Amino acid sequence: MNVTLSLNPEVQKGLMERAHARGVSLADYLQELVAREACVLAAAEPSPIHKRFNNLSDLLLNSPFAGANLDLERSKDYPRPVDLG
């Protein structure tokens, strides 16, 4: 498959410098980047949340925020008196 990219000059310059530093052509460097990204995407198998966790406890214990020491304590909001008369 052939793909044509229109890159702004700054991006092109940066990619060419990286390719040169690796000792490869820009085309080979881009091929390497795309192949690496394709492998990452293939390995990352998205799964619906209901399949990953059996219950809410599992979700909370295995969440990306587990161990982040977030303060999720509810504020003490006392009820207001209600006039029923």
Protein backbone atom coordinates (compact mmCIF):
# COMPACT_ATOMS: atom_id res chain seq x y z
CA MET A 1 0.00 0.00 0.00
CA ASN A 2 1.26 3.46 -0.81
CA VAL A 3 0.33 6.48 1.28
CA THR A 4 1.13 10.12 0.62
CA LEU A 5 1.63 12.38 3.62
CA SER A 6 1.59 16.16 3.57
CA LEU A 7 3.77 17.18 6.50
CA ASN A 8 4.50 20.68 7.63
CA PRO A 9 8.20 21.55 7.30
CA GLU A 10 8.90 21.43 11.04
CA VAL A 11 7.47 17.92 11.41
CA GLN A 12 9.30 16.74 8.32
CA LYS A 13 12.59 18.15 9.60
CA GLY A 14 12.14 16.46 12.98
CA LEU A 15 11.31 13.11 11.39
CA MET A 16 14.27 13.37 9.02
CA GLU A 17 16.61 14.12 11.94
CA ARG A 18 15.33 11.08 13.84
CA ALA A 19 15.67 8.87 10.78
CA HIS A 20 19.21 10.14 10.17
CA ALA A 21 20.12 9.51 13.82
CA ARG A 22 18.98 5.90 13.39
CA GLY A 23 20.89 5.60 10.12
CA VAL A 24 17.81 4.89 7.99
CA SER A 25 15.90 6.70 5.28
CA LEU A 26 12.82 8.71 6.12
CA ALA A 27 10.65 6.16 4.31
CA ASP A 28 12.13 3.29 6.34
CA TYR A 29 11.78 5.23 9.58
CA LEU A 30 8.11 5.98 8.86
CA GLN A 31 7.53 2.32 7.96
CA GLU A 32 9.03 1.35 11.31
CA LEU A 33 6.81 3.85 13.19
CA VAL A 34 3.66 2.66 11.47
CA ALA A 35 4.52 -1.02 12.00
CA ARG A 36 5.19 -0.40 15.70
CA GLU A 37 1.91 1.48 16.10
CA ALA A 38 -0.01 -1.27 14.28
CA CYS A 39 1.43 -3.86 16.68
CA VAL A 40 0.47 -1.77 19.69
CA LEU A 41 -3.08 -1.35 18.38
CA ALA A 42 -3.41 -5.05 17.64
CA ALA A 43 -2.19 -5.95 21.14
CA ALA A 44 -4.55 -3.52 22.83
CA GLU A 45 -7.76 -5.47 22.66
CA PRO A 46 -10.57 -3.20 23.79
CA SER A 47 -13.04 -4.98 25.98
CA PRO A 48 -16.31 -3.67 27.34
CA ILE A 49 -16.29 -2.80 31.02
CA HIS A 50 -18.84 -5.49 31.87
CA LYS A 51 -16.47 -8.17 30.59
CA ARG A 52 -13.40 -6.90 32.45
CA PHE A 53 -14.99 -6.65 35.88
CA ASN A 54 -17.49 -8.94 37.54
CA ASN A 55 -18.74 -6.40 40.04
CA LEU A 56 -18.30 -2.82 41.28
CA SER A 57 -15.74 -3.88 43.85
CA ASP A 58 -13.50 -5.39 41.15
CA LEU A 59 -13.87 -2.24 39.07
CA LEU A 60 -12.85 0.04 41.94
CA LEU A 61 -9.97 -2.15 43.10
CA ASN A 62 -8.55 -2.52 39.59
CA SER A 63 -9.23 0.98 38.34
CA PRO A 64 -6.41 3.13 37.01
CA PHE A 65 -6.94 5.33 40.06
CA ALA A 66 -6.42 2.50 42.57
CA GLY A 67 -3.62 3.47 44.95
CA ALA A 68 -3.70 7.12 43.84
CA ASN A 69 -4.72 8.23 47.34
CA LEU A 70 -7.62 10.30 46.05
CA ASP A 71 -9.73 11.94 48.73
CA LEU A 72 -13.24 10.94 47.72
CA GLU A 73 -14.86 11.52 51.10
CA ARG A 74 -18.28 13.09 50.89
CA SER A 75 -18.65 16.52 52.43
CA LYS A 76 -20.75 16.72 55.56
CA ASP A 77 -23.82 18.49 54.23
CA TYR A 78 -26.41 18.69 56.98
CA PRO A 79 -30.09 18.81 55.93
CA ARG A 80 -31.95 22.08 56.02
CA PRO A 81 -35.13 22.42 58.03
CA VAL A 82 -38.24 22.12 55.86
CA ASP A 83 -41.40 24.12 56.63
CA LEU A 84 -44.33 21.71 56.23
CA GLY A 85 -46.94 24.05 57.59
